[in-house]
Amino acid sequence: MLAIVTIAGQQFKVKAGDSLYVPHLAGKAGDTVEFSDVLLTSNGNAVNTNGQAVVKAEILSDLVKGEKVIAFKMKRRKGFRKKHGHRTQYTHIKITAIA
């Protein structure tokens, strides 16, 4: 079974047993979370778009940092330079069931 679910404003295509990194979610490692914003479910040739499904997942690790992103601003001939960076926080989850 396959589902397209919205998690923290982003859409993911998931199957039972998949593990993926999603934007930071509230919870600790070992907690279970449910996502009810399911856009599409597919079981073979049968496609369902009514949104009645629920995707259940388990949090594997609660804080994973992504790669560093550098933002650099400069105005030529003015001596203005500004550099800052950040690392986006993610949560590692494993999809347990699509019901």
N, C-alpha and C. Protein backbone atom coordinates (compact mmCIF):
# COMPACT_ATOMS: atom_id res chain seq x y z
N MET A 1 0.84 -1.18 0.00
CA MET A 1 0.00 0.00 0.00
C MET A 1 0.89 1.24 0.00
N LEU A 2 0.48 2.23 -0.74
CA LEU A 2 1.24 3.46 -0.94
C LEU A 2 0.36 4.64 -0.56
N ALA A 3 0.95 5.67 0.02
CA ALA A 3 0.18 6.86 0.40
C ALA A 3 1.02 8.11 0.15
N ILE A 4 0.33 9.20 -0.16
CA ILE A 4 0.96 10.51 -0.23
C ILE A 4 0.38 11.31 0.93
N VAL A 5 1.28 11.73 1.83
CA VAL A 5 0.86 12.38 3.07
C VAL A 5 1.57 13.72 3.22
N THR A 6 0.88 14.67 3.84
CA THR A 6 1.48 15.98 4.12
C THR A 6 1.98 15.98 5.55
N ILE A 7 3.29 16.20 5.71
CA ILE A 7 3.92 16.24 7.03
C ILE A 7 4.64 17.58 7.14
N ALA A 8 4.21 18.42 8.07
CA ALA A 8 4.83 19.72 8.33
C ALA A 8 4.92 20.57 7.07
N GLY A 9 3.87 20.55 6.26
CA GLY A 9 3.81 21.40 5.08
C GLY A 9 4.48 20.83 3.84
N GLN A 10 5.06 19.64 3.92
CA GLN A 10 5.70 19.02 2.77
C GLN A 10 5.03 17.69 2.46
N GLN A 11 4.97 17.33 1.18
CA GLN A 11 4.33 16.08 0.77
C GLN A 11 5.38 14.99 0.60
N PHE A 12 5.05 13.79 1.12
CA PHE A 12 5.95 12.64 1.04
C PHE A 12 5.17 11.44 0.52
N LYS A 13 5.82 10.64 -0.33
CA LYS A 13 5.26 9.38 -0.80
C LYS A 13 5.83 8.29 0.09
N VAL A 14 4.96 7.56 0.82
CA VAL A 14 5.42 6.61 1.83
C VAL A 14 4.76 5.24 1.63
N LYS A 15 5.48 4.22 2.09
CA LYS A 15 4.98 2.85 2.18
C LYS A 15 5.26 2.37 3.59
N ALA A 16 4.60 1.32 4.01
CA ALA A 16 4.87 0.75 5.32
C ALA A 16 6.30 0.23 5.34
N GLY A 17 7.05 0.57 6.38
CA GLY A 17 8.43 0.15 6.50
C GLY A 17 9.44 1.18 6.03
N ASP A 18 9.00 2.24 5.38
CA ASP A 18 9.92 3.29 4.93
C ASP A 18 10.44 4.09 6.11
N SER A 19 11.68 4.55 6.00
CA SER A 19 12.20 5.50 6.99
C SER A 19 12.62 6.74 6.23
N LEU A 20 12.28 7.92 6.79
CA LEU A 20 12.58 9.16 6.11
C LEU A 20 12.82 10.27 7.11
N TYR A 21 13.44 11.33 6.61
CA TYR A 21 13.73 12.51 7.42
C TYR A 21 12.70 13.58 7.07
N VAL A 22 12.00 14.07 8.08
CA VAL A 22 10.97 15.09 7.90
C VAL A 22 11.33 16.32 8.73
N PRO A 23 10.76 17.49 8.42
CA PRO A 23 11.03 18.65 9.28
C PRO A 23 10.69 18.36 10.73
N HIS A 24 11.37 19.02 11.63
CA HIS A 24 11.32 18.72 13.06
C HIS A 24 9.90 18.58 13.59
N LEU A 25 9.64 17.47 14.29
CA LEU A 25 8.35 17.19 14.92
C LEU A 25 8.52 17.17 16.43
N ALA A 26 7.47 17.51 17.15
CA ALA A 26 7.50 17.44 18.60
C ALA A 26 7.40 15.97 19.02
N GLY A 27 8.25 15.55 19.91
CA GLY A 27 8.25 14.17 20.38
C GLY A 27 9.65 13.69 20.62
N LYS A 28 9.75 12.57 21.32
CA LYS A 28 11.05 11.98 21.63
C LYS A 28 11.20 10.66 20.88
N ALA A 29 12.42 10.14 20.88
CA ALA A 29 12.68 8.85 20.22
C ALA A 29 11.84 7.77 20.88
N GLY A 30 11.19 6.95 20.07
CA GLY A 30 10.34 5.88 20.58
C GLY A 30 8.86 6.24 20.59
N ASP A 31 8.52 7.52 20.49
CA ASP A 31 7.12 7.94 20.45
C ASP A 31 6.50 7.57 19.11
N THR A 32 5.17 7.43 19.10
CA THR A 32 4.45 7.19 17.85
C THR A 32 3.65 8.43 17.50
N VAL A 33 3.57 8.72 16.22
CA VAL A 33 2.82 9.86 15.73
C VAL A 33 1.89 9.40 14.62
N GLU A 34 0.77 10.13 14.46
CA GLU A 34 -0.19 9.83 13.40
C GLU A 34 -0.34 11.06 12.50
N PHE A 35 -0.45 10.80 11.21
CA PHE A 35 -0.65 11.86 10.24
C PHE A 35 -1.98 11.59 9.54
N SER A 36 -2.92 12.50 9.72
CA SER A 36 -4.25 12.30 9.15
C SER A 36 -4.46 13.07 7.85
N ASP A 37 -3.51 13.90 7.46
CA ASP A 37 -3.63 14.66 6.22
C ASP A 37 -3.10 13.83 5.05
N VAL A 38 -3.85 12.80 4.69
CA VAL A 38 -3.46 11.89 3.61
C VAL A 38 -4.17 12.34 2.34
N LEU A 39 -3.40 12.61 1.31
CA LEU A 39 -3.95 13.12 0.05
C LEU A 39 -4.39 12.00 -0.88
N LEU A 40 -3.67 10.87 -0.87
CA LEU A 40 -3.96 9.80 -1.81
C LEU A 40 -3.48 8.49 -1.24
N THR A 41 -4.24 7.44 -1.44
CA THR A 41 -3.81 6.08 -1.10
C THR A 41 -3.97 5.20 -2.33
N SER A 42 -3.06 4.26 -2.47
CA SER A 42 -3.09 3.37 -3.62
C SER A 42 -2.77 1.96 -3.17
N ASN A 43 -3.60 1.02 -3.57
CA ASN A 43 -3.38 -0.39 -3.28
C ASN A 43 -3.49 -1.14 -4.60
N GLY A 44 -2.36 -1.30 -5.26
CA GLY A 44 -2.38 -1.92 -6.59
C GLY A 44 -2.96 -0.95 -7.60
N ASN A 45 -4.08 -1.34 -8.24
CA ASN A 45 -4.72 -0.46 -9.23
C ASN A 45 -5.78 0.43 -8.61
N ALA A 46 -6.19 0.16 -7.37
CA ALA A 46 -7.23 0.95 -6.72
C ALA A 46 -6.63 2.22 -6.11
N VAL A 47 -7.10 3.37 -6.57
CA VAL A 47 -6.62 4.66 -6.07
C VAL A 47 -7.76 5.33 -5.32
N ASN A 48 -7.48 5.82 -4.11
CA ASN A 48 -8.49 6.44 -3.28
C ASN A 48 -8.02 7.84 -2.90
N THR A 49 -8.85 8.84 -3.13
CA THR A 49 -8.47 10.21 -2.82
C THR A 49 -9.40 10.87 -1.80
N ASN A 50 -10.16 10.09 -1.04
CA ASN A 50 -11.12 10.69 -0.12
C ASN A 50 -10.47 11.19 1.17
N GLY A 51 -9.24 10.81 1.48
CA GLY A 51 -8.53 11.33 2.64
C GLY A 51 -8.96 10.72 3.96
N GLN A 52 -9.52 9.53 3.96
CA GLN A 52 -9.97 8.89 5.19
C GLN A 52 -8.88 8.06 5.86
N ALA A 53 -7.74 7.91 5.25
CA ALA A 53 -6.67 7.06 5.78
C ALA A 53 -5.87 7.81 6.84
N VAL A 54 -5.15 7.03 7.66
CA VAL A 54 -4.27 7.56 8.69
C VAL A 54 -2.93 6.85 8.56
N VAL A 55 -1.85 7.61 8.58
CA VAL A 55 -0.51 7.05 8.50
C VAL A 55 0.10 7.10 9.90
N LYS A 56 0.57 5.95 10.38
CA LYS A 56 1.19 5.86 11.70
C LYS A 56 2.68 5.69 11.54
N ALA A 57 3.44 6.39 12.39
CA ALA A 57 4.90 6.34 12.30
C ALA A 57 5.51 6.34 13.70
N GLU A 58 6.75 5.87 13.76
CA GLU A 58 7.51 5.86 15.01
C GLU A 58 8.72 6.76 14.83
N ILE A 59 9.00 7.56 15.86
CA ILE A 59 10.16 8.46 15.81
C ILE A 59 11.40 7.67 16.18
N LEU A 60 12.37 7.62 15.28
CA LEU A 60 13.62 6.91 15.53
C LEU A 60 14.63 7.80 16.24
N SER A 61 14.82 9.02 15.77
CA SER A 61 15.67 9.99 16.47
C SER A 61 15.02 11.36 16.32
N ASP A 62 15.03 12.11 17.40
CA ASP A 62 14.22 13.32 17.42
C ASP A 62 14.94 14.57 16.93
N LEU A 63 16.25 14.57 16.82
CA LEU A 63 16.93 15.77 16.36
C LEU A 63 18.12 15.39 15.49
N VAL A 64 18.00 15.65 14.21
CA VAL A 64 19.07 15.41 13.25
C VAL A 64 19.27 16.71 12.51
N LYS A 65 20.51 17.16 12.40
CA LYS A 65 20.79 18.41 11.70
C LYS A 65 21.18 18.14 10.26
N GLY A 66 20.68 18.97 9.36
CA GLY A 66 21.01 18.86 7.95
C GLY A 66 22.33 19.55 7.65
N GLU A 67 22.64 19.68 6.37
CA GLU A 67 23.87 20.33 5.97
C GLU A 67 23.81 21.82 6.25
N LYS A 68 24.97 22.43 6.45
CA LYS A 68 25.03 23.86 6.74
C LYS A 68 24.75 24.64 5.46
N VAL A 69 23.88 25.65 5.59
CA VAL A 69 23.54 26.53 4.49
C VAL A 69 24.11 27.91 4.81
N ILE A 70 24.92 28.45 3.91
CA ILE A 70 25.56 29.74 4.11
C ILE A 70 24.80 30.80 3.31
N ALA A 71 24.42 31.89 3.98
CA ALA A 71 23.81 33.03 3.31
C ALA A 71 24.82 34.17 3.35
N PHE A 72 25.23 34.65 2.18
CA PHE A 72 26.24 35.69 2.09
C PHE A 72 25.68 36.85 1.27
N LYS A 73 25.71 38.04 1.87
CA LYS A 73 25.25 39.24 1.18
C LYS A 73 26.41 40.21 1.04
N MET A 74 26.48 40.87 -0.11
CA MET A 74 27.58 41.80 -0.34
C MET A 74 27.10 42.89 -1.29
N LYS A 75 27.52 44.11 -1.01
CA LYS A 75 27.28 45.21 -1.94
C LYS A 75 28.64 45.67 -2.45
N ARG A 76 28.83 45.62 -3.73
CA ARG A 76 30.13 45.93 -4.28
C ARG A 76 30.48 47.41 -4.10
N ARG A 77 31.74 47.65 -3.92
CA ARG A 77 32.32 48.99 -3.75
C ARG A 77 31.80 49.73 -2.53
N LYS A 78 31.10 49.10 -1.63
CA LYS A 78 30.58 49.78 -0.45
C LYS A 78 31.20 49.27 0.85
N GLY A 79 31.87 48.13 0.79
CA GLY A 79 32.46 47.55 1.98
C GLY A 79 31.46 46.78 2.84
N PHE A 80 30.28 46.52 2.31
CA PHE A 80 29.24 45.80 3.06
C PHE A 80 29.32 44.31 2.78
N ARG A 81 29.57 43.54 3.82
CA ARG A 81 29.58 42.08 3.71
C ARG A 81 28.90 41.50 4.93
N LYS A 82 28.00 40.56 4.72
CA LYS A 82 27.29 39.93 5.82
C LYS A 82 27.21 38.44 5.54
N LYS A 83 27.63 37.63 6.48
CA LYS A 83 27.64 36.18 6.30
C LYS A 83 27.03 35.52 7.53
N HIS A 84 26.07 34.67 7.31
CA HIS A 84 25.51 33.87 8.39
C HIS A 84 25.04 32.54 7.80
N GLY A 85 24.88 31.56 8.65
CA GLY A 85 24.47 30.25 8.19
C GLY A 85 23.55 29.58 9.19
N HIS A 86 22.96 28.48 8.77
CA HIS A 86 22.10 27.72 9.66
C HIS A 86 22.07 26.26 9.22
N ARG A 87 21.66 25.40 10.15
CA ARG A 87 21.48 23.98 9.86
C ARG A 87 20.04 23.62 10.21
N THR A 88 19.29 23.15 9.24
CA THR A 88 17.89 22.80 9.45
C THR A 88 17.79 21.54 10.29
N GLN A 89 16.82 21.51 11.21
CA GLN A 89 16.63 20.36 12.09
C GLN A 89 15.57 19.43 11.50
N TYR A 90 15.87 18.14 11.53
CA TYR A 90 14.97 17.12 11.00
C TYR A 90 14.68 16.08 12.07
N THR A 91 13.61 15.31 11.84
CA THR A 91 13.27 14.18 12.68
C THR A 91 13.30 12.93 11.80
N HIS A 92 13.94 11.87 12.28
CA HIS A 92 14.02 10.61 11.54
C HIS A 92 12.86 9.73 12.00
N ILE A 93 11.94 9.38 11.06
CA ILE A 93 10.79 8.56 11.41
C ILE A 93 10.76 7.30 10.56
N LYS A 94 10.03 6.30 11.06
CA LYS A 94 9.79 5.06 10.32
C LYS A 94 8.28 4.84 10.23
N ILE A 95 7.78 4.64 9.02
CA ILE A 95 6.36 4.42 8.81
C ILE A 95 6.03 2.99 9.23
N THR A 96 5.08 2.86 10.16
CA THR A 96 4.71 1.54 10.66
C THR A 96 3.48 0.99 9.98
N ALA A 97 2.48 1.84 9.72
CA ALA A 97 1.24 1.33 9.12
C ALA A 97 0.51 2.44 8.39
N ILE A 98 -0.27 2.02 7.37
CA ILE A 98 -1.18 2.91 6.68
C ILE A 98 -2.56 2.27 6.83
N ALA A 99 -3.45 2.95 7.56
CA ALA A 99 -4.77 2.39 7.85
C ALA A 99 -5.86 3.23 7.22
